[in-house]
PDB file of N, CA and C in Angstrom:
ATOM      1  N   UNK A   1       8.919  -6.888   6.700  1.00  0.00           N
ATOM      2  CA  UNK A   1       9.155  -5.634   6.013  1.00  0.00           C
ATOM      3  C   UNK A   1       9.338  -5.925   4.527  1.00  0.00           C
ATOM      4  N   UNK A   2       8.799  -5.054   3.701  1.00  0.00           N
ATOM      5  CA  UNK A   2       8.900  -5.245   2.262  1.00  0.00           C
ATOM      6  C   UNK A   2      10.277  -4.856   1.765  1.00  0.00           C
ATOM      7  N   UNK A   3      10.778  -5.613   0.829  1.00  0.00           N
ATOM      8  CA  UNK A   3      12.063  -5.314   0.220  1.00  0.00           C
ATOM      9  C   UNK A   3      11.946  -4.074  -0.653  1.00  0.00           C
ATOM     10  N   UNK A   4      13.028  -3.314  -0.762  1.00  0.00           N
ATOM     11  CA  UNK A   4      13.017  -2.101  -1.580  1.00  0.00           C
ATOM     12  C   UNK A   4      12.676  -2.432  -3.032  1.00  0.00           C
ATOM     13  N   UNK A   5      13.134  -3.570  -3.525  1.00  0.00           N
ATOM     14  CA  UNK A   5      12.843  -3.971  -4.902  1.00  0.00           C
ATOM     15  C   UNK A   5      11.339  -4.126  -5.120  1.00  0.00           C
ATOM     16  N   UNK A   6      10.657  -4.720  -4.159  1.00  0.00           N
ATOM     17  CA  UNK A   6       9.208  -4.889  -4.252  1.00  0.00           C
ATOM     18  C   UNK A   6       8.515  -3.531  -4.270  1.00  0.00           C
ATOM     19  N   UNK A   7       8.968  -2.635  -3.403  1.00  0.00           N
ATOM     20  CA  UNK A   7       8.379  -1.300  -3.353  1.00  0.00           C
ATOM     21  C   UNK A   7       8.591  -0.592  -4.684  1.00  0.00           C
ATOM     22  N   UNK A   8       9.774  -0.702  -5.242  1.00  0.00           N
ATOM     23  CA  UNK A   8      10.058  -0.055  -6.523  1.00  0.00           C
ATOM     24  C   UNK A   8       9.197  -0.633  -7.637  1.00  0.00           C
ATOM     25  N   UNK A   9       8.918  -1.928  -7.585  1.00  0.00           N
ATOM     26  CA  UNK A   9       8.055  -2.548  -8.589  1.00  0.00           C
ATOM     27  C   UNK A   9       6.626  -2.010  -8.495  1.00  0.00           C
ATOM     28  N   UNK A  10       6.219  -1.607  -7.319  1.00  0.00           N
ATOM     29  CA  UNK A  10       4.859  -1.103  -7.113  1.00  0.00           C
ATOM     30  C   UNK A  10       4.725   0.392  -7.386  1.00  0.00           C
ATOM     31  N   UNK A  11       5.816   1.091  -7.579  1.00  0.00           N
ATOM     32  CA  UNK A  11       5.751   2.541  -7.797  1.00  0.00           C
ATOM     33  C   UNK A  11       4.872   2.924  -8.984  1.00  0.00           C
ATOM     34  N   UNK A  12       4.925   2.223 -10.127  1.00  0.00           N
ATOM     35  CA  UNK A  12       4.016   2.593 -11.224  1.00  0.00           C
ATOM     36  C   UNK A  12       2.541   2.515 -10.821  1.00  0.00           C
ATOM     37  N   UNK A  13       2.197   1.529 -10.008  1.00  0.00           N
ATOM     38  CA  UNK A  13       0.810   1.416  -9.537  1.00  0.00           C
ATOM     39  C   UNK A  13       0.455   2.577  -8.613  1.00  0.00           C
ATOM     40  N   UNK A  14       1.386   2.964  -7.754  1.00  0.00           N
ATOM     41  CA  UNK A  14       1.131   4.094  -6.865  1.00  0.00           C
ATOM     42  C   UNK A  14       0.959   5.384  -7.665  1.00  0.00           C
ATOM     43  N   UNK A  15       1.746   5.543  -8.700  1.00  0.00           N
ATOM     44  CA  UNK A  15       1.611   6.728  -9.552  1.00  0.00           C
ATOM     45  C   UNK A  15       0.264   6.723 -10.278  1.00  0.00           C
ATOM     46  N   UNK A  16      -0.179   5.534 -10.712  1.00  0.00           N
ATOM     47  CA  UNK A  16      -1.483   5.435 -11.360  1.00  0.00           C
ATOM     48  C   UNK A  16      -2.592   5.771 -10.370  1.00  0.00           C
ATOM     49  N   UNK A  17      -2.445   5.308  -9.138  1.00  0.00           N
ATOM     50  CA  UNK A  17      -3.427   5.636  -8.114  1.00  0.00           C
ATOM     51  C   UNK A  17      -3.461   7.137  -7.876  1.00  0.00           C
ATOM     52  N   UNK A  18      -2.307   7.757  -7.891  1.00  0.00           N
ATOM     53  CA  UNK A  18      -2.230   9.203  -7.693  1.00  0.00           C
ATOM     54  C   UNK A  18      -3.034   9.942  -8.754  1.00  0.00           C
ATOM     55  N   UNK A  19      -3.110   9.343  -9.936  1.00  0.00           N
ATOM     56  CA  UNK A  19      -3.897   9.934 -11.024  1.00  0.00           C
ATOM     57  C   UNK A  19      -5.355   9.471 -10.977  1.00  0.00           C
ATOM     58  N   UNK A  20      -5.723   8.739  -9.920  1.00  0.00           N
ATOM     59  CA  UNK A  20      -7.119   8.362  -9.717  1.00  0.00           C
ATOM     60  C   UNK A  20      -7.498   6.971 -10.173  1.00  0.00           C
ATOM     61  N   UNK A  21      -6.523   6.125 -10.473  1.00  0.00           N
ATOM     62  CA  UNK A  21      -6.823   4.785 -10.978  1.00  0.00           C
ATOM     63  C   UNK A  21      -7.249   3.837  -9.860  1.00  0.00           C
ATOM     64  N   UNK A  22      -8.535   3.513  -9.857  1.00  0.00           N
ATOM     65  CA  UNK A  22      -9.030   2.515  -8.912  1.00  0.00           C
ATOM     66  C   UNK A  22      -8.539   1.122  -9.296  1.00  0.00           C
ATOM     67  N   UNK A  23      -8.297   0.907 -10.568  1.00  0.00           N
ATOM     68  CA  UNK A  23      -7.777  -0.388 -11.033  1.00  0.00           C
ATOM     69  C   UNK A  23      -6.411  -0.671 -10.409  1.00  0.00           C
ATOM     70  N   UNK A  24      -5.574   0.357 -10.284  1.00  0.00           N
ATOM     71  CA  UNK A  24      -4.262   0.182  -9.659  1.00  0.00           C
ATOM     72  C   UNK A  24      -4.424  -0.191  -8.186  1.00  0.00           C
ATOM     73  N   UNK A  25      -5.401   0.441  -7.516  1.00  0.00           N
ATOM     74  CA  UNK A  25      -5.670   0.093  -6.124  1.00  0.00           C
ATOM     75  C   UNK A  25      -6.100  -1.366  -6.011  1.00  0.00           C
ATOM     76  N   UNK A  26      -6.976  -1.786  -6.892  1.00  0.00           N
ATOM     77  CA  UNK A  26      -7.440  -3.184  -6.867  1.00  0.00           C
ATOM     78  C   UNK A  26      -6.262  -4.138  -7.081  1.00  0.00           C
ATOM     79  N   UNK A  27      -5.365  -3.790  -7.977  1.00  0.00           N
ATOM     80  CA  UNK A  27      -4.182  -4.629  -8.226  1.00  0.00           C
ATOM     81  C   UNK A  27      -3.336  -4.756  -6.967  1.00  0.00           C
ATOM     82  N   UNK A  28      -3.109  -3.639  -6.279  1.00  0.00           N
ATOM     83  CA  UNK A  28      -2.331  -3.685  -5.039  1.00  0.00           C
ATOM     84  C   UNK A  28      -3.078  -4.455  -3.952  1.00  0.00           C
ATOM     85  N   UNK A  29      -4.394  -4.309  -3.913  1.00  0.00           N
ATOM     86  CA  UNK A  29      -5.182  -5.061  -2.935  1.00  0.00           C
ATOM     87  C   UNK A  29      -5.064  -6.557  -3.185  1.00  0.00           C
ATOM     88  N   UNK A  30      -5.152  -6.955  -4.443  1.00  0.00           N
ATOM     89  CA  UNK A  30      -5.030  -8.374  -4.771  1.00  0.00           C
ATOM     90  C   UNK A  30      -3.661  -8.913  -4.371  1.00  0.00           C
ATOM     91  N   UNK A  31      -2.661  -8.079  -4.472  1.00  0.00           N
ATOM     92  CA  UNK A  31      -1.294  -8.494  -4.147  1.00  0.00           C
ATOM     93  C   UNK A  31      -1.065  -8.564  -2.637  1.00  0.00           C
ATOM     94  N   UNK A  32      -1.533  -7.551  -1.903  1.00  0.00           N
ATOM     95  CA  UNK A  32      -1.169  -7.424  -0.491  1.00  0.00           C
ATOM     96  C   UNK A  32      -2.255  -7.784   0.510  1.00  0.00           C
ATOM     97  N   UNK A  33      -3.511  -7.876   0.085  1.00  0.00           N
ATOM     98  CA  UNK A  33      -4.591  -8.167   1.021  1.00  0.00           C
ATOM     99  C   UNK A  33      -4.360  -9.460   1.802  1.00  0.00           C
ATOM    100  N   UNK A  34      -3.971 -10.553   1.161  1.00  0.00           N
ATOM    101  CA  UNK A  34      -3.752 -11.786   1.939  1.00  0.00           C
ATOM    102  C   UNK A  34      -2.675 -11.623   3.020  1.00  0.00           C
ATOM    103  N   UNK A  35      -1.582 -10.967   2.694  1.00  0.00           N
ATOM    104  CA  UNK A  35      -0.502 -10.764   3.657  1.00  0.00           C
ATOM    105  C   UNK A  35      -0.956  -9.873   4.818  1.00  0.00           C
ATOM    106  N   UNK A  36      -1.626  -8.786   4.493  1.00  0.00           N
ATOM    107  CA  UNK A  36      -2.087  -7.859   5.534  1.00  0.00           C
ATOM    108  C   UNK A  36      -3.142  -8.530   6.404  1.00  0.00           C
ATOM    109  N   UNK A  37      -4.050  -9.257   5.796  1.00  0.00           N
ATOM    110  CA  UNK A  37      -5.094  -9.954   6.559  1.00  0.00           C
ATOM    111  C   UNK A  37      -4.498 -10.987   7.504  1.00  0.00           C
ATOM    112  N   UNK A  38      -3.606 -11.813   6.987  1.00  0.00           N
ATOM    113  CA  UNK A  38      -2.977 -12.842   7.835  1.00  0.00           C
ATOM    114  C   UNK A  38      -2.195 -12.219   8.984  1.00  0.00           C
ATOM    115  N   UNK A  39      -1.419 -11.194   8.668  1.00  0.00           N
ATOM    116  CA  UNK A  39      -0.586 -10.569   9.689  1.00  0.00           C
ATOM    117  C   UNK A  39      -1.438  -9.914  10.768  1.00  0.00           C
ATOM    118  N   UNK A  40      -2.465  -9.179  10.357  1.00  0.00           N
ATOM    119  CA  UNK A  40      -3.310  -8.524  11.358  1.00  0.00           C
ATOM    120  C   UNK A  40      -4.071  -9.556  12.197  1.00  0.00           C
ATOM    121  N   UNK A  41      -4.487 -10.655  11.585  1.00  0.00           N
ATOM    122  CA  UNK A  41      -5.192 -11.685  12.352  1.00  0.00           C
ATOM    123  C   UNK A  41      -4.260 -12.340  13.372  1.00  0.00           C
ATOM    124  N   UNK A  42      -3.021 -12.588  12.970  1.00  0.00           N
ATOM    125  CA  UNK A  42      -2.056 -13.192  13.905  1.00  0.00           C
ATOM    126  C   UNK A  42      -1.786 -12.280  15.097  1.00  0.00           C
ATOM    127  N   UNK A  43      -1.792 -10.991  14.855  1.00  0.00           N
ATOM    128  CA  UNK A  43      -1.536 -10.041  15.938  1.00  0.00           C
ATOM    129  C   UNK A  43      -2.771  -9.854  16.814  1.00  0.00           C
ATOM    130  N   UNK A  44      -3.934  -9.714  16.189  1.00  0.00           N
ATOM    131  CA  UNK A  44      -5.153  -9.372  16.921  1.00  0.00           C
ATOM    132  C   UNK A  44      -5.955 -10.577  17.402  1.00  0.00           C
ATOM    133  N   UNK A  45      -5.815 -11.705  16.715  1.00  0.00           N
ATOM    134  CA  UNK A  45      -6.563 -12.925  17.052  1.00  0.00           C
ATOM    135  C   UNK A  45      -8.071 -12.701  17.065  1.00  0.00           C
ATOM    136  N   UNK A  46      -8.517 -11.814  16.213  1.00  0.00           N
ATOM    137  CA  UNK A  46      -9.942 -11.526  16.105  1.00  0.00           C
ATOM    138  C   UNK A  46     -10.249 -11.192  14.647  1.00  0.00           C
ATOM    139  N   UNK A  47     -11.111 -11.983  14.043  1.00  0.00           N
ATOM    140  CA  UNK A  47     -11.395 -11.821  12.616  1.00  0.00           C
ATOM    141  C   UNK A  47     -12.001 -10.459  12.278  1.00  0.00           C
ATOM    142  N   UNK A  48     -12.947 -10.020  13.089  1.00  0.00           N
ATOM    143  CA  UNK A  48     -13.607  -8.746  12.826  1.00  0.00           C
ATOM    144  C   UNK A  48     -12.619  -7.575  12.917  1.00  0.00           C
ATOM    145  N   UNK A  49     -11.793  -7.577  13.963  1.00  0.00           N
ATOM    146  CA  UNK A  49     -10.790  -6.518  14.106  1.00  0.00           C
ATOM    147  C   UNK A  49      -9.769  -6.578  12.978  1.00  0.00           C
ATOM    148  N   UNK A  50      -9.407  -7.778  12.601  1.00  0.00           N
ATOM    149  CA  UNK A  50      -8.447  -7.955  11.511  1.00  0.00           C
ATOM    150  C   UNK A  50      -8.990  -7.410  10.195  1.00  0.00           C
ATOM    151  N   UNK A  51     -10.248  -7.684   9.925  1.00  0.00           N
ATOM    152  CA  UNK A  51     -10.872  -7.166   8.704  1.00  0.00           C
ATOM    153  C   UNK A  51     -10.927  -5.635   8.727  1.00  0.00           C
ATOM    154  N   UNK A  52     -11.222  -5.066   9.899  1.00  0.00           N
ATOM    155  CA  UNK A  52     -11.284  -3.615  10.030  1.00  0.00           C
ATOM    156  C   UNK A  52      -9.915  -2.977   9.793  1.00  0.00           C
ATOM    157  N   UNK A  53      -8.881  -3.585  10.348  1.00  0.00           N
ATOM    158  CA  UNK A  53      -7.520  -3.075  10.154  1.00  0.00           C
ATOM    159  C   UNK A  53      -7.124  -3.175   8.692  1.00  0.00           C
ATOM    160  N   UNK A  54      -7.419  -4.297   8.070  1.00  0.00           N
ATOM    161  CA  UNK A  54      -7.066  -4.499   6.657  1.00  0.00           C
ATOM    162  C   UNK A  54      -7.752  -3.455   5.789  1.00  0.00           C
ATOM    163  N   UNK A  55      -9.029  -3.219   6.045  1.00  0.00           N
ATOM    164  CA  UNK A  55      -9.755  -2.204   5.285  1.00  0.00           C
ATOM    165  C   UNK A  55      -9.128  -0.824   5.501  1.00  0.00           C
ATOM    166  N   UNK A  56      -8.799  -0.528   6.738  1.00  0.00           N
ATOM    167  CA  UNK A  56      -8.219   0.780   7.050  1.00  0.00           C
ATOM    168  C   UNK A  56      -6.885   0.985   6.330  1.00  0.00           C
ATOM    169  N   UNK A  57      -6.101  -0.065   6.201  1.00  0.00           N
ATOM    170  CA  UNK A  57      -4.815   0.034   5.501  1.00  0.00           C
ATOM    171  C   UNK A  57      -5.025   0.519   4.068  1.00  0.00           C
ATOM    172  N   UNK A  58      -5.988  -0.068   3.374  1.00  0.00           N
ATOM    173  CA  UNK A  58      -6.193   0.287   1.968  1.00  0.00           C
ATOM    174  C   UNK A  58      -6.898   1.633   1.809  1.00  0.00           C
ATOM    175  N   UNK A  59      -7.777   1.967   2.732  1.00  0.00           N
ATOM    176  CA  UNK A  59      -8.399   3.294   2.698  1.00  0.00           C
ATOM    177  C   UNK A  59      -7.325   4.352   2.919  1.00  0.00           C
ATOM    178  N   UNK A  60      -6.448   4.116   3.887  1.00  0.00           N
ATOM    179  CA  UNK A  60      -5.378   5.073   4.171  1.00  0.00           C
ATOM    180  C   UNK A  60      -4.405   5.162   3.001  1.00  0.00           C
ATOM    181  N   UNK A  61      -4.113   4.047   2.358  1.00  0.00           N
ATOM    182  CA  UNK A  61      -3.251   4.065   1.173  1.00  0.00           C
ATOM    183  C   UNK A  61      -3.856   4.959   0.098  1.00  0.00           C
ATOM    184  N   UNK A  62      -5.145   4.784  -0.160  1.00  0.00           N
ATOM    185  CA  UNK A  62      -5.829   5.587  -1.179  1.00  0.00           C
ATOM    186  C   UNK A  62      -5.745   7.078  -0.839  1.00  0.00           C
ATOM    187  N   UNK A  63      -5.965   7.408   0.432  1.00  0.00           N
ATOM    188  CA  UNK A  63      -5.903   8.814   0.855  1.00  0.00           C
ATOM    189  C   UNK A  63      -4.481   9.366   0.748  1.00  0.00           C
ATOM    190  N   UNK A  64      -3.523   8.597   1.236  1.00  0.00           N
ATOM    191  CA  UNK A  64      -2.138   9.083   1.270  1.00  0.00           C
ATOM    192  C   UNK A  64      -1.527   9.225  -0.113  1.00  0.00           C
ATOM    193  N   UNK A  65      -1.914   8.366  -1.028  1.00  0.00           N
ATOM    194  CA  UNK A  65      -1.306   8.420  -2.354  1.00  0.00           C
ATOM    195  C   UNK A  65      -1.667   9.716  -3.070  1.00  0.00           C
ATOM    196  N   UNK A  66      -2.765  10.331  -2.665  1.00  0.00           N
ATOM    197  CA  UNK A  66      -3.151  11.593  -3.286  1.00  0.00           C
ATOM    198  C   UNK A  66      -2.184  12.726  -2.935  1.00  0.00           C
ATOM    199  N   UNK A  67      -1.434  12.555  -1.861  1.00  0.00           N
ATOM    200  CA  UNK A  67      -0.438  13.567  -1.499  1.00  0.00           C
ATOM    201  C   UNK A  67       0.956  13.171  -1.979  1.00  0.00           C
ATOM    202  N   UNK A  68       1.028  12.105  -2.760  1.00  0.00           N
ATOM    203  CA  UNK A  68       2.306  11.623  -3.308  1.00  0.00           C
ATOM    204  C   UNK A  68       2.961  12.703  -4.160  1.00  0.00           C
ATOM    205  N   UNK A  69       4.236  12.889  -3.978  1.00  0.00           N
ATOM    206  CA  UNK A  69       5.011  13.869  -4.728  1.00  0.00           C
ATOM    207  C   UNK A  69       6.147  13.125  -5.413  1.00  0.00           C
ATOM    208  N   UNK A  70       6.085  13.023  -6.745  1.00  0.00           N
ATOM    209  CA  UNK A  70       7.078  12.206  -7.441  1.00  0.00           C
ATOM    210  C   UNK A  70       8.462  12.848  -7.508  1.00  0.00           C
ATOM    211  N   UNK A  71       8.627  14.015  -6.894  1.00  0.00           N
ATOM    212  CA  UNK A  71       9.978  14.575  -6.776  1.00  0.00           C
ATOM    213  C   UNK A  71      10.782  13.781  -5.763  1.00  0.00           C
ATOM    214  N   UNK A  72      10.081  13.100  -4.864  1.00  0.00           N
ATOM    215  CA  UNK A  72      10.738  12.290  -3.854  1.00  0.00           C
ATOM    216  C   UNK A  72      10.706  10.843  -4.323  1.00  0.00           C
ATOM    217  N   UNK A  73      11.808  10.166  -4.183  1.00  0.00           N
ATOM    218  CA  UNK A  73      11.877   8.828  -4.749  1.00  0.00           C
ATOM    219  C   UNK A  73      12.501   7.839  -3.782  1.00  0.00           C
ATOM    220  N   UNK A  74      12.009   6.635  -3.820  1.00  0.00           N
ATOM    221  CA  UNK A  74      12.613   5.555  -3.054  1.00  0.00           C
ATOM    222  C   UNK A  74      13.794   4.954  -3.807  1.00  0.00           C
ATOM    223  N   UNK A  75      13.826   5.185  -5.091  1.00  0.00           N
ATOM    224  CA  UNK A  75      14.891   4.595  -5.916  1.00  0.00           C
ATOM    225  C   UNK A  75      16.265   5.048  -5.461  1.00  0.00           C
ATOM    226  N   UNK A  76      16.339   6.260  -4.959  1.00  0.00           N
ATOM    227  CA  UNK A  76      17.618   6.789  -4.511  1.00  0.00           C
ATOM    228  C   UNK A  76      17.887   6.443  -3.057  1.00  0.00           C
ATOM    229  N   UNK A  77      16.927   5.776  -2.411  1.00  0.00           N
ATOM    230  CA  UNK A  77      17.105   5.353  -1.043  1.00  0.00           C
ATOM    231  C   UNK A  77      17.066   6.498  -0.043  1.00  0.00           C
ATOM    232  N   UNK A  78      16.410   7.577  -0.393  1.00  0.00           N
ATOM    233  CA  UNK A  78      16.292   8.712   0.511  1.00  0.00           C
ATOM    234  C   UNK A  78      14.934   9.359   0.327  1.00  0.00           C
ATOM    235  N   UNK A  79      14.576  10.189   1.276  1.00  0.00           N
ATOM    236  CA  UNK A  79      13.248  10.783   1.254  1.00  0.00           C
ATOM    237  C   UNK A  79      13.234  12.213   0.750  1.00  0.00           C
ATOM    238  N   UNK A  80      14.266  12.627   0.059  1.00  0.00           N
ATOM    239  CA  UNK A  80      14.262  13.985  -0.485  1.00  0.00           C
ATOM    240  C   UNK A  80      14.769  13.974  -1.920  1.00  0.00           C
ATOM    241  N   UNK A  81      14.300  14.902  -2.698  1.00  0.00           N
ATOM    242  CA  UNK A  81      14.569  14.925  -4.134  1.00  0.00           C
ATOM    243  C   UNK A  81      15.827  15.499  -4.551  1.00  0.00           C
TER     244      UNK A  81
END
């Protein structure tokens, strides 16, 4: 599980993605792709399935970030503004 500090460090990138920045997505991919790939491979024991899961994670991130509402913050440790 990611530490709250790490998540907070990534919030500016998520906000940039919300504004349509593909560069921010690439930055997050460079940071997390190795971890997600390794973890999914260890669970699935299949390279092709692992690659598919890893791709789906980042596609879903891109889709979900568009519904991001900055009134809600992780900084306060709660899901309401």
